[in-house]
Amino acid sequence: MVLRGGLWVPALPLIAVPSLTPLCTMEPSDYSSEIQEDWTNRENSETICTSLKTVVEFLNRFHSSCRIRLAEMDNRLKTLERKMDRLDAHTAYNVTIQEQIRRSTAT
C-alpha cells in the first residue's frame, strides 16, 4: 500500500515466478502440469490483487466519509463554542448589573 494524494492505493503487485525448468529437459507430459501450475499461480495472484483493491477502495471511501463527518462535527462544535462564549458574556454582564443594582439599593 502506498499513500498517494491522501488515499491509499495498492503498490504494484508482487507475482511469484515459479522456478523455470528448461523446456528441452521436460517431458511432454510435464508441460500440462507446468501450465496448470502457472494458471493456478496466476489465478491466486489475481484473487489477491482483486481482494486488495476491494479493501483499498473500502478504506478510501471510509476515510472520505470520516473526513466529511469530522469536518461537520468540527463546524458544529465551533458554533456551539461561540454560542457558549456569548451566553457566558451575557451572564457575566447580567451578574455585574445585578451587583450594581444591589449596591445602589443598599446605600
PDB file of N, CA and C in Angstrom:
ATOM      1  N   MET A   1       0.841  -1.169   0.000  1.00  0.00           N
ATOM      2  CA  MET A   1       0.000   0.000   0.000  1.00  0.00           C
ATOM      3  C   MET A   1       0.892   1.240   0.000  1.00  0.00           C
ATOM      4  N   VAL A   2       0.491   2.210  -0.824  1.00  0.00           N
ATOM      5  CA  VAL A   2       1.240   3.445  -0.955  1.00  0.00           C
ATOM      6  C   VAL A   2       0.255   4.596  -0.805  1.00  0.00           C
ATOM      7  N   LEU A   3       0.637   5.632  -0.070  1.00  0.00           N
ATOM      8  CA  LEU A   3      -0.213   6.801   0.114  1.00  0.00           C
ATOM      9  C   LEU A   3       0.030   7.761  -1.034  1.00  0.00           C
ATOM     10  N   ARG A   4      -1.013   8.004  -1.842  1.00  0.00           N
ATOM     11  CA  ARG A   4      -0.902   8.935  -2.962  1.00  0.00           C
ATOM     12  C   ARG A   4      -2.058   9.909  -2.892  1.00  0.00           C
ATOM     13  N   GLY A   5      -1.763  11.195  -2.776  1.00  0.00           N
ATOM     14  CA  GLY A   5      -2.818  12.197  -2.763  1.00  0.00           C
ATOM     15  C   GLY A   5      -3.793  12.035  -1.614  1.00  0.00           C
ATOM     16  N   GLY A   6      -3.343  11.550  -0.476  1.00  0.00           N
ATOM     17  CA  GLY A   6      -4.205  11.373   0.678  1.00  0.00           C
ATOM     18  C   GLY A   6      -5.003  10.089   0.657  1.00  0.00           C
ATOM     19  N   LEU A   7      -4.827   9.262  -0.375  1.00  0.00           N
ATOM     20  CA  LEU A   7      -5.549   7.995  -0.474  1.00  0.00           C
ATOM     21  C   LEU A   7      -4.557   6.850  -0.549  1.00  0.00           C
ATOM     22  N   TRP A   8      -4.937   5.727   0.027  1.00  0.00           N
ATOM     23  CA  TRP A   8      -4.088   4.543  -0.031  1.00  0.00           C
ATOM     24  C   TRP A   8      -4.400   3.795  -1.314  1.00  0.00           C
ATOM     25  N   VAL A   9      -3.377   3.499  -2.076  1.00  0.00           N
ATOM     26  CA  VAL A   9      -3.540   2.727  -3.308  1.00  0.00           C
ATOM     27  C   VAL A   9      -2.593   1.537  -3.249  1.00  0.00           C
ATOM     28  N   PRO A  10      -2.996   0.436  -3.889  1.00  0.00           N
ATOM     29  CA  PRO A  10      -2.111  -0.730  -3.843  1.00  0.00           C
ATOM     30  C   PRO A  10      -0.847  -0.480  -4.655  1.00  0.00           C
ATOM     31  N   ALA A  11       0.250  -0.930  -4.115  1.00  0.00           N
ATOM     32  CA  ALA A  11       1.507  -0.849  -4.852  1.00  0.00           C
ATOM     33  C   ALA A  11       1.465  -1.907  -5.948  1.00  0.00           C
ATOM     34  N   LEU A  12       2.435  -1.868  -6.812  1.00  0.00           N
ATOM     35  CA  LEU A  12       2.467  -2.875  -7.871  1.00  0.00           C
ATOM     36  C   LEU A  12       2.514  -4.265  -7.254  1.00  0.00           C
ATOM     37  N   PRO A  13       1.658  -5.162  -7.742  1.00  0.00           N
ATOM     38  CA  PRO A  13       1.610  -6.494  -7.133  1.00  0.00           C
ATOM     39  C   PRO A  13       2.897  -7.267  -7.378  1.00  0.00           C
ATOM     40  N   LEU A  14       3.277  -8.002  -6.369  1.00  0.00           N
ATOM     41  CA  LEU A  14       4.439  -8.873  -6.493  1.00  0.00           C
ATOM     42  C   LEU A  14       3.938 -10.252  -6.887  1.00  0.00           C
ATOM     43  N   ILE A  15       4.373 -10.722  -8.018  1.00  0.00           N
ATOM     44  CA  ILE A  15       3.929 -12.019  -8.509  1.00  0.00           C
ATOM     45  C   ILE A  15       5.093 -12.994  -8.406  1.00  0.00           C
ATOM     46  N   ALA A  16       4.831 -14.092  -7.725  1.00  0.00           N
ATOM     47  CA  ALA A  16       5.876 -15.103  -7.567  1.00  0.00           C
ATOM     48  C   ALA A  16       6.090 -15.802  -8.904  1.00  0.00           C
ATOM     49  N   VAL A  17       7.336 -15.892  -9.295  1.00  0.00           N
ATOM     50  CA  VAL A  17       7.667 -16.578 -10.542  1.00  0.00           C
ATOM     51  C   VAL A  17       8.126 -17.982 -10.184  1.00  0.00           C
ATOM     52  N   PRO A  18       7.424 -18.998 -10.703  1.00  0.00           N
ATOM     53  CA  PRO A  18       7.843 -20.359 -10.386  1.00  0.00           C
ATOM     54  C   PRO A  18       9.212 -20.649 -10.987  1.00  0.00           C
ATOM     55  N   SER A  19       9.865 -21.620 -10.410  1.00  0.00           N
ATOM     56  CA  SER A  19      11.181 -21.968 -10.939  1.00  0.00           C
ATOM     57  C   SER A  19      11.016 -22.412 -12.389  1.00  0.00           C
ATOM     58  N   LEU A  20      11.813 -21.820 -13.235  1.00  0.00           N
ATOM     59  CA  LEU A  20      11.707 -22.125 -14.658  1.00  0.00           C
ATOM     60  C   LEU A  20      12.614 -23.301 -14.993  1.00  0.00           C
ATOM     61  N   THR A  21      11.999 -24.336 -15.470  1.00  0.00           N
ATOM     62  CA  THR A  21      12.748 -25.509 -15.887  1.00  0.00           C
ATOM     63  C   THR A  21      12.977 -25.394 -17.387  1.00  0.00           C
ATOM     64  N   PRO A  22      14.183 -25.610 -17.839  1.00  0.00           N
ATOM     65  CA  PRO A  22      14.414 -25.531 -19.283  1.00  0.00           C
ATOM     66  C   PRO A  22      13.477 -26.481 -20.026  1.00  0.00           C
ATOM     67  N   LEU A  23      12.870 -25.956 -21.094  1.00  0.00           N
ATOM     68  CA  LEU A  23      11.889 -26.743 -21.841  1.00  0.00           C
ATOM     69  C   LEU A  23      12.497 -27.991 -22.481  1.00  0.00           C
ATOM     70  N   CYS A  24      13.780 -27.919 -22.841  1.00  0.00           N
ATOM     71  CA  CYS A  24      14.386 -29.062 -23.523  1.00  0.00           C
ATOM     72  C   CYS A  24      14.549 -30.262 -22.588  1.00  0.00           C
ATOM     73  N   THR A  25      14.570 -30.048 -21.273  1.00  0.00           N
ATOM     74  CA  THR A  25      14.743 -31.163 -20.344  1.00  0.00           C
ATOM     75  C   THR A  25      13.413 -31.720 -19.853  1.00  0.00           C
ATOM     76  N   MET A  26      12.295 -31.085 -20.257  1.00  0.00           N
ATOM     77  CA  MET A  26      10.987 -31.527 -19.786  1.00  0.00           C
ATOM     78  C   MET A  26      10.374 -32.540 -20.748  1.00  0.00           C
ATOM     79  N   GLU A  27       9.655 -33.463 -20.171  1.00  0.00           N
ATOM     80  CA  GLU A  27       8.885 -34.425 -20.960  1.00  0.00           C
ATOM     81  C   GLU A  27       7.590 -33.749 -21.395  1.00  0.00           C
ATOM     82  N   PRO A  28       7.025 -34.131 -22.521  1.00  0.00           N
ATOM     83  CA  PRO A  28       5.764 -33.531 -22.978  1.00  0.00           C
ATOM     84  C   PRO A  28       4.641 -33.656 -21.947  1.00  0.00           C
ATOM     85  N   SER A  29       4.653 -34.718 -21.156  1.00  0.00           N
ATOM     86  CA  SER A  29       3.599 -34.874 -20.151  1.00  0.00           C
ATOM     87  C   SER A  29       3.743 -33.843 -19.028  1.00  0.00           C
ATOM     88  N   ASP A  30       4.972 -33.328 -18.827  1.00  0.00           N
ATOM     89  CA  ASP A  30       5.205 -32.333 -17.787  1.00  0.00           C
ATOM     90  C   ASP A  30       4.708 -30.945 -18.192  1.00  0.00           C
ATOM     91  N   TYR A  31       4.562 -30.707 -19.507  1.00  0.00           N
ATOM     92  CA  TYR A  31       4.109 -29.397 -19.972  1.00  0.00           C
ATOM     93  C   TYR A  31       2.754 -29.039 -19.380  1.00  0.00           C
ATOM     94  N   SER A  32       1.845 -29.979 -19.415  1.00  0.00           N
ATOM     95  CA  SER A  32       0.497 -29.676 -18.934  1.00  0.00           C
ATOM     96  C   SER A  32       0.497 -29.376 -17.431  1.00  0.00           C
ATOM     97  N   SER A  33       1.318 -30.099 -16.666  1.00  0.00           N
ATOM     98  CA  SER A  33       1.364 -29.816 -15.227  1.00  0.00           C
ATOM     99  C   SER A  33       1.995 -28.448 -14.961  1.00  0.00           C
ATOM    100  N   GLU A  34       3.018 -28.090 -15.719  1.00  0.00           N
ATOM    101  CA  GLU A  34       3.635 -26.768 -15.575  1.00  0.00           C
ATOM    102  C   GLU A  34       2.639 -25.674 -15.951  1.00  0.00           C
ATOM    103  N   ILE A  35       1.915 -25.885 -17.039  1.00  0.00           N
ATOM    104  CA  ILE A  35       0.924 -24.902 -17.480  1.00  0.00           C
ATOM    105  C   ILE A  35      -0.183 -24.779 -16.441  1.00  0.00           C
ATOM    106  N   GLN A  36      -0.649 -25.915 -15.926  1.00  0.00           N
ATOM    107  CA  GLN A  36      -1.704 -25.896 -14.910  1.00  0.00           C
ATOM    108  C   GLN A  36      -1.231 -25.165 -13.648  1.00  0.00           C
ATOM    109  N   GLU A  37      -0.007 -25.445 -13.240  1.00  0.00           N
ATOM    110  CA  GLU A  37       0.545 -24.779 -12.057  1.00  0.00           C
ATOM    111  C   GLU A  37       0.664 -23.274 -12.291  1.00  0.00           C
ATOM    112  N   ASP A  38       1.096 -22.892 -13.495  1.00  0.00           N
ATOM    113  CA  ASP A  38       1.212 -21.480 -13.836  1.00  0.00           C
ATOM    114  C   ASP A  38      -0.157 -20.795 -13.782  1.00  0.00           C
ATOM    115  N   TRP A  39      -1.176 -21.439 -14.339  1.00  0.00           N
ATOM    116  CA  TRP A  39      -2.529 -20.866 -14.306  1.00  0.00           C
ATOM    117  C   TRP A  39      -3.040 -20.744 -12.874  1.00  0.00           C
ATOM    118  N   THR A  40      -2.761 -21.739 -12.068  1.00  0.00           N
ATOM    119  CA  THR A  40      -3.181 -21.696 -10.663  1.00  0.00           C
ATOM    120  C   THR A  40      -2.516 -20.525  -9.946  1.00  0.00           C
ATOM    121  N   ASN A  41      -1.216 -20.355 -10.177  1.00  0.00           N
ATOM    122  CA  ASN A  41      -0.492 -19.233  -9.561  1.00  0.00           C
ATOM    123  C   ASN A  41      -1.048 -17.892 -10.025  1.00  0.00           C
ATOM    124  N   ARG A  42      -1.352 -17.793 -11.313  1.00  0.00           N
ATOM    125  CA  ARG A  42      -1.909 -16.545 -11.847  1.00  0.00           C
ATOM    126  C   ARG A  42      -3.285 -16.254 -11.255  1.00  0.00           C
ATOM    127  N   GLU A  43      -4.101 -17.296 -11.131  1.00  0.00           N
ATOM    128  CA  GLU A  43      -5.430 -17.115 -10.540  1.00  0.00           C
ATOM    129  C   GLU A  43      -5.316 -16.668  -9.083  1.00  0.00           C
ATOM    130  N   ASN A  44      -4.405 -17.274  -8.355  1.00  0.00           N
ATOM    131  CA  ASN A  44      -4.196 -16.882  -6.957  1.00  0.00           C
ATOM    132  C   ASN A  44      -3.730 -15.434  -6.859  1.00  0.00           C
ATOM    133  N   SER A  45      -2.791 -15.059  -7.719  1.00  0.00           N
ATOM    134  CA  SER A  45      -2.296 -13.681  -7.720  1.00  0.00           C
ATOM    135  C   SER A  45      -3.417 -12.710  -8.067  1.00  0.00           C
ATOM    136  N   GLU A  46      -4.229 -13.063  -9.043  1.00  0.00           N
ATOM    137  CA  GLU A  46      -5.352 -12.206  -9.442  1.00  0.00           C
ATOM    138  C   GLU A  46      -6.365 -12.068  -8.309  1.00  0.00           C
ATOM    139  N   THR A  47      -6.633 -13.165  -7.613  1.00  0.00           N
ATOM    140  CA  THR A  47      -7.567 -13.133  -6.484  1.00  0.00           C
ATOM    141  C   THR A  47      -7.044 -12.217  -5.384  1.00  0.00           C
ATOM    142  N   ILE A  48      -5.770 -12.332  -5.083  1.00  0.00           N
ATOM    143  CA  ILE A  48      -5.163 -11.490  -4.047  1.00  0.00           C
ATOM    144  C   ILE A  48      -5.212 -10.021  -4.460  1.00  0.00           C
ATOM    145  N   CYS A  49      -4.865  -9.726  -5.711  1.00  0.00           N
ATOM    146  CA  CYS A  49      -4.884  -8.336  -6.192  1.00  0.00           C
ATOM    147  C   CYS A  49      -6.295  -7.761  -6.145  1.00  0.00           C
ATOM    148  N   THR A  50      -7.272  -8.551  -6.570  1.00  0.00           N
ATOM    149  CA  THR A  50      -8.665  -8.094  -6.545  1.00  0.00           C
ATOM    150  C   THR A  50      -9.117  -7.833  -5.114  1.00  0.00           C
ATOM    151  N   SER A  51      -8.757  -8.722  -4.213  1.00  0.00           N
ATOM    152  CA  SER A  51      -9.128  -8.542  -2.805  1.00  0.00           C
ATOM    153  C   SER A  51      -8.478  -7.289  -2.223  1.00  0.00           C
ATOM    154  N   LEU A  52      -7.221  -7.078  -2.538  1.00  0.00           N
ATOM    155  CA  LEU A  52      -6.527  -5.881  -2.053  1.00  0.00           C
ATOM    156  C   LEU A  52      -7.175  -4.614  -2.598  1.00  0.00           C
ATOM    157  N   LYS A  53      -7.527  -4.623  -3.878  1.00  0.00           N
ATOM    158  CA  LYS A  53      -8.183  -3.449  -4.465  1.00  0.00           C
ATOM    159  C   LYS A  53      -9.508  -3.173  -3.773  1.00  0.00           C
ATOM    160  N   THR A  54     -10.257  -4.228  -3.476  1.00  0.00           N
ATOM    161  CA  THR A  54     -11.537  -4.066  -2.787  1.00  0.00           C
ATOM    162  C   THR A  54     -11.331  -3.452  -1.408  1.00  0.00           C
ATOM    163  N   VAL A  55     -10.355  -3.953  -0.678  1.00  0.00           N
ATOM    164  CA  VAL A  55     -10.070  -3.423   0.663  1.00  0.00           C
ATOM    165  C   VAL A  55      -9.629  -1.964   0.576  1.00  0.00           C
ATOM    166  N   VAL A  56      -8.768  -1.649  -0.378  1.00  0.00           N
ATOM    167  CA  VAL A  56      -8.274  -0.280  -0.535  1.00  0.00           C
ATOM    168  C   VAL A  56      -9.420   0.661  -0.897  1.00  0.00           C
ATOM    169  N   GLU A  57     -10.304   0.230  -1.807  1.00  0.00           N
ATOM    170  CA  GLU A  57     -11.451   1.066  -2.168  1.00  0.00           C
ATOM    171  C   GLU A  57     -12.336   1.324  -0.952  1.00  0.00           C
ATOM    172  N   PHE A  58     -12.576   0.275  -0.164  1.00  0.00           N
ATOM    173  CA  PHE A  58     -13.384   0.447   1.049  1.00  0.00           C
ATOM    174  C   PHE A  58     -12.725   1.430   2.005  1.00  0.00           C
ATOM    175  N   LEU A  59     -11.429   1.258   2.238  1.00  0.00           N
ATOM    176  CA  LEU A  59     -10.721   2.140   3.167  1.00  0.00           C
ATOM    177  C   LEU A  59     -10.724   3.585   2.679  1.00  0.00           C
ATOM    178  N   ASN A  60     -10.581   3.789   1.365  1.00  0.00           N
ATOM    179  CA  ASN A  60     -10.619   5.150   0.826  1.00  0.00           C
ATOM    180  C   ASN A  60     -12.002   5.778   1.005  1.00  0.00           C
ATOM    181  N   ARG A  61     -13.063   4.995   0.753  1.00  0.00           N
ATOM    182  CA  ARG A  61     -14.422   5.512   0.961  1.00  0.00           C
ATOM    183  C   ARG A  61     -14.649   5.821   2.439  1.00  0.00           C
ATOM    184  N   PHE A  62     -14.186   4.924   3.307  1.00  0.00           N
ATOM    185  CA  PHE A  62     -14.332   5.123   4.752  1.00  0.00           C
ATOM    186  C   PHE A  62     -13.596   6.379   5.200  1.00  0.00           C
ATOM    187  N   HIS A  63     -12.380   6.555   4.695  1.00  0.00           N
ATOM    188  CA  HIS A  63     -11.571   7.726   5.030  1.00  0.00           C
ATOM    189  C   HIS A  63     -12.287   9.005   4.605  1.00  0.00           C
ATOM    190  N   SER A  64     -12.807   9.020   3.379  1.00  0.00           N
ATOM    191  CA  SER A  64     -13.517  10.206   2.892  1.00  0.00           C
ATOM    192  C   SER A  64     -14.753  10.485   3.734  1.00  0.00           C
ATOM    193  N   SER A  65     -15.489   9.439   4.042  1.00  0.00           N
ATOM    194  CA  SER A  65     -16.704   9.589   4.843  1.00  0.00           C
ATOM    195  C   SER A  65     -16.372  10.141   6.226  1.00  0.00           C
ATOM    196  N   CYS A  66     -15.357   9.584   6.855  1.00  0.00           N
ATOM    197  CA  CYS A  66     -14.957  10.048   8.195  1.00  0.00           C
ATOM    198  C   CYS A  66     -14.475  11.489   8.147  1.00  0.00           C
ATOM    199  N   ARG A  67     -13.752  11.818   7.110  1.00  0.00           N
ATOM    200  CA  ARG A  67     -13.242  13.177   6.980  1.00  0.00           C
ATOM    201  C   ARG A  67     -14.379  14.184   6.890  1.00  0.00           C
ATOM    202  N   ILE A  68     -15.386  13.861   6.074  1.00  0.00           N
ATOM    203  CA  ILE A  68     -16.540  14.749   5.917  1.00  0.00           C
ATOM    204  C   ILE A  68     -17.289  14.876   7.237  1.00  0.00           C
ATOM    205  N   ARG A  69     -17.527  13.752   7.881  1.00  0.00           N
ATOM    206  CA  ARG A  69     -18.265  13.779   9.146  1.00  0.00           C
ATOM    207  C   ARG A  69     -17.509  14.539  10.229  1.00  0.00           C
ATOM    208  N   LEU A  70     -16.203  14.348  10.286  1.00  0.00           N
ATOM    209  CA  LEU A  70     -15.408  15.072  11.283  1.00  0.00           C
ATOM    210  C   LEU A  70     -15.402  16.575  11.005  1.00  0.00           C
ATOM    211  N   ALA A  71     -15.372  16.959   9.735  1.00  0.00           N
ATOM    212  CA  ALA A  71     -15.419  18.384   9.391  1.00  0.00           C
ATOM    213  C   ALA A  71     -16.759  18.983   9.812  1.00  0.00           C
ATOM    214  N   GLU A  72     -17.854  18.249   9.573  1.00  0.00           N
ATOM    215  CA  GLU A  72     -19.173  18.724  10.003  1.00  0.00           C
ATOM    216  C   GLU A  72     -19.236  18.843  11.524  1.00  0.00           C
ATOM    217  N   MET A  73     -18.712  17.848  12.209  1.00  0.00           N
ATOM    218  CA  MET A  73     -18.708  17.871  13.677  1.00  0.00           C
ATOM    219  C   MET A  73     -17.874  19.045  14.190  1.00  0.00           C
ATOM    220  N   ASP A  74     -16.755  19.313  13.553  1.00  0.00           N
ATOM    221  CA  ASP A  74     -15.904  20.435  13.948  1.00  0.00           C
ATOM    222  C   ASP A  74     -16.654  21.757  13.792  1.00  0.00           C
ATOM    223  N   ASN A  75     -17.378  21.906  12.679  1.00  0.00           N
ATOM    224  CA  ASN A  75     -18.159  23.130  12.476  1.00  0.00           C
ATOM    225  C   ASN A  75     -19.237  23.280  13.544  1.00  0.00           C
ATOM    226  N   ARG A  76     -19.909  22.199  13.872  1.00  0.00           N
ATOM    227  CA  ARG A  76     -20.944  22.252  14.907  1.00  0.00           C
ATOM    228  C   ARG A  76     -20.347  22.629  16.265  1.00  0.00           C
ATOM    229  N   LEU A  77     -19.199  22.025  16.592  1.00  0.00           N
ATOM    230  CA  LEU A  77     -18.551  22.342  17.872  1.00  0.00           C
ATOM    231  C   LEU A  77     -18.121  23.803  17.937  1.00  0.00           C
ATOM    232  N   LYS A  78     -17.601  24.332  16.838  1.00  0.00           N
ATOM    233  CA  LYS A  78     -17.199  25.742  16.820  1.00  0.00           C
ATOM    234  C   LYS A  78     -18.409  26.648  17.015  1.00  0.00           C
ATOM    235  N   THR A  79     -19.530  26.298  16.372  1.00  0.00           N
ATOM    236  CA  THR A  79     -20.754  27.082  16.541  1.00  0.00           C
ATOM    237  C   THR A  79     -21.213  27.044  17.993  1.00  0.00           C
ATOM    238  N   LEU A  80     -21.205  25.854  18.591  1.00  0.00           N
ATOM    239  CA  LEU A  80     -21.606  25.729  19.998  1.00  0.00           C
ATOM    240  C   LEU A  80     -20.671  26.506  20.924  1.00  0.00           C
ATOM    241  N   GLU A  81     -19.375  26.471  20.640  1.00  0.00           N
ATOM    242  CA  GLU A  81     -18.418  27.217  21.462  1.00  0.00           C
ATOM    243  C   GLU A  81     -18.688  28.718  21.385  1.00  0.00           C
ATOM    244  N   ARG A  82     -18.997  29.227  20.175  1.00  0.00           N
ATOM    245  CA  ARG A  82     -19.312  30.654  20.035  1.00  0.00           C
ATOM    246  C   ARG A  82     -20.578  31.007  20.819  1.00  0.00           C
ATOM    247  N   LYS A  83     -21.587  30.142  20.738  1.00  0.00           N
ATOM    248  CA  LYS A  83     -22.830  30.385  21.482  1.00  0.00           C
ATOM    249  C   LYS A  83     -22.573  30.378  22.985  1.00  0.00           C
ATOM    250  N   MET A  84     -21.753  29.423  23.444  1.00  0.00           N
ATOM    251  CA  MET A  84     -21.438  29.362  24.877  1.00  0.00           C
ATOM    252  C   MET A  84     -20.675  30.605  25.323  1.00  0.00           C
ATOM    253  N   ASP A  85     -19.741  31.074  24.502  1.00  0.00           N
ATOM    254  CA  ASP A  85     -18.997  32.289  24.840  1.00  0.00           C
ATOM    255  C   ASP A  85     -19.944  33.482  24.944  1.00  0.00           C
ATOM    256  N   ARG A  86     -20.890  33.563  23.991  1.00  0.00           N
ATOM    257  CA  ARG A  86     -21.863  34.648  24.019  1.00  0.00           C
ATOM    258  C   ARG A  86     -22.728  34.575  25.282  1.00  0.00           C
ATOM    259  N   LEU A  87     -23.213  33.370  25.612  1.00  0.00           N
ATOM    260  CA  LEU A  87     -24.024  33.193  26.822  1.00  0.00           C
ATOM    261  C   LEU A  87     -23.224  33.524  28.079  1.00  0.00           C
ATOM    262  N   ASP A  88     -21.971  33.110  28.089  1.00  0.00           N
ATOM    263  CA  ASP A  88     -21.107  33.403  29.234  1.00  0.00           C
ATOM    264  C   ASP A  88     -20.927  34.911  29.396  1.00  0.00           C
ATOM    265  N   ALA A  89     -20.726  35.601  28.272  1.00  0.00           N
ATOM    266  CA  ALA A  89     -20.565  37.061  28.330  1.00  0.00           C
ATOM    267  C   ALA A  89     -21.853  37.722  28.814  1.00  0.00           C
ATOM    268  N   HIS A  90     -23.007  37.270  28.305  1.00  0.00           N
ATOM    269  CA  HIS A  90     -24.288  37.837  28.752  1.00  0.00           C
ATOM    270  C   HIS A  90     -24.512  37.571  30.241  1.00  0.00           C
ATOM    271  N   THR A  91     -24.198  36.364  30.681  1.00  0.00           N
ATOM    272  CA  THR A  91     -24.374  36.013  32.095  1.00  0.00           C
ATOM    273  C   THR A  91     -23.476  36.882  32.974  1.00  0.00           C
ATOM    274  N   ALA A  92     -22.230  37.028  32.579  1.00  0.00           N
ATOM    275  CA  ALA A  92     -21.300  37.859  33.355  1.00  0.00           C
ATOM    276  C   ALA A  92     -21.791  39.303  33.394  1.00  0.00           C
ATOM    277  N   TYR A  93     -22.290  39.800  32.271  1.00  0.00           N
ATOM    278  CA  TYR A  93     -22.809  41.171  32.214  1.00  0.00           C
ATOM    279  C   TYR A  93     -24.016  41.316  33.141  1.00  0.00           C
ATOM    280  N   ASN A  94     -24.948  40.352  33.084  1.00  0.00           N
ATOM    281  CA  ASN A  94     -26.139  40.412  33.940  1.00  0.00           C
ATOM    282  C   ASN A  94     -25.775  40.343  35.421  1.00  0.00           C
ATOM    283  N   VAL A  95     -24.810  39.512  35.771  1.00  0.00           N
ATOM    284  CA  VAL A  95     -24.369  39.412  37.166  1.00  0.00           C
ATOM    285  C   VAL A  95     -23.792  40.750  37.611  1.00  0.00           C
ATOM    286  N   THR A  96     -22.998  41.376  36.761  1.00  0.00           N
ATOM    287  CA  THR A  96     -22.400  42.674  37.089  1.00  0.00           C
ATOM    288  C   THR A  96     -23.490  43.725  37.287  1.00  0.00           C
ATOM    289  N   ILE A  97     -24.463  43.748  36.395  1.00  0.00           N
ATOM    290  CA  ILE A  97     -25.568  44.708  36.504  1.00  0.00           C
ATOM    291  C   ILE A  97     -26.350  44.477  37.793  1.00  0.00           C
ATOM    292  N   GLN A  98     -26.640  43.220  38.110  1.00  0.00           N
ATOM    293  CA  GLN A  98     -27.389  42.909  39.333  1.00  0.00           C
ATOM    294  C   GLN A  98     -26.612  43.341  40.575  1.00  0.00           C
ATOM    295  N   GLU A  99     -25.301  43.136  40.576  1.00  0.00           N
ATOM    296  CA  GLU A  99     -24.482  43.562  41.717  1.00  0.00           C
ATOM    297  C   GLU A  99     -24.516  45.079  41.862  1.00  0.00           C
ATOM    298  N   GLN A 100     -24.457  45.779  40.741  1.00  0.00           N
ATOM    299  CA  GLN A 100     -24.513  47.239  40.791  1.00  0.00           C
ATOM    300  C   GLN A 100     -25.870  47.711  41.319  1.00  0.00           C
ATOM    301  N   ILE A 101     -26.946  47.034  40.909  1.00  0.00           N
ATOM    302  CA  ILE A 101     -28.288  47.399  41.383  1.00  0.00           C
ATOM    303  C   ILE A 101     -28.393  47.150  42.877  1.00  0.00           C
ATOM    304  N   ARG A 102     -27.875  46.027  43.360  1.00  0.00           N
ATOM    305  CA  ARG A 102     -27.910  45.711  44.799  1.00  0.00           C
ATOM    306  C   ARG A 102     -27.144  46.757  45.603  1.00  0.00           C
ATOM    307  N   ARG A 103     -25.979  47.134  45.097  1.00  0.00           N
ATOM    308  CA  ARG A 103     -25.165  48.131  45.808  1.00  0.00           C
ATOM    309  C   ARG A 103     -25.883  49.481  45.868  1.00  0.00           C
ATOM    310  N   SER A 104     -26.483  49.829  44.739  1.00  0.00           N
ATOM    311  CA  SER A 104     -27.140  51.139  44.708  1.00  0.00           C
ATOM    312  C   SER A 104     -28.400  51.155  45.570  1.00  0.00           C
ATOM    313  N   THR A 105     -29.102  50.019  45.677  1.00  0.00           N
ATOM    314  CA  THR A 105     -30.293  49.969  46.528  1.00  0.00           C
ATOM    315  C   THR A 105     -29.913  49.802  47.991  1.00  0.00           C
ATOM    316  N   ALA A 106     -28.752  49.267  48.258  1.00  0.00           N
ATOM    317  CA  ALA A 106     -28.313  49.055  49.637  1.00  0.00           C
ATOM    318  C   ALA A 106     -27.865  50.362  50.269  1.00  0.00           C
ATOM    319  N   THR A 107     -27.417  51.301  49.490  1.00  0.00           N
ATOM    320  CA  THR A 107     -26.930  52.550  50.071  1.00  0.00           C
ATOM    321  C   THR A 107     -27.963  53.614  50.158  1.00  0.00           C
TER     322      THR A 107
END
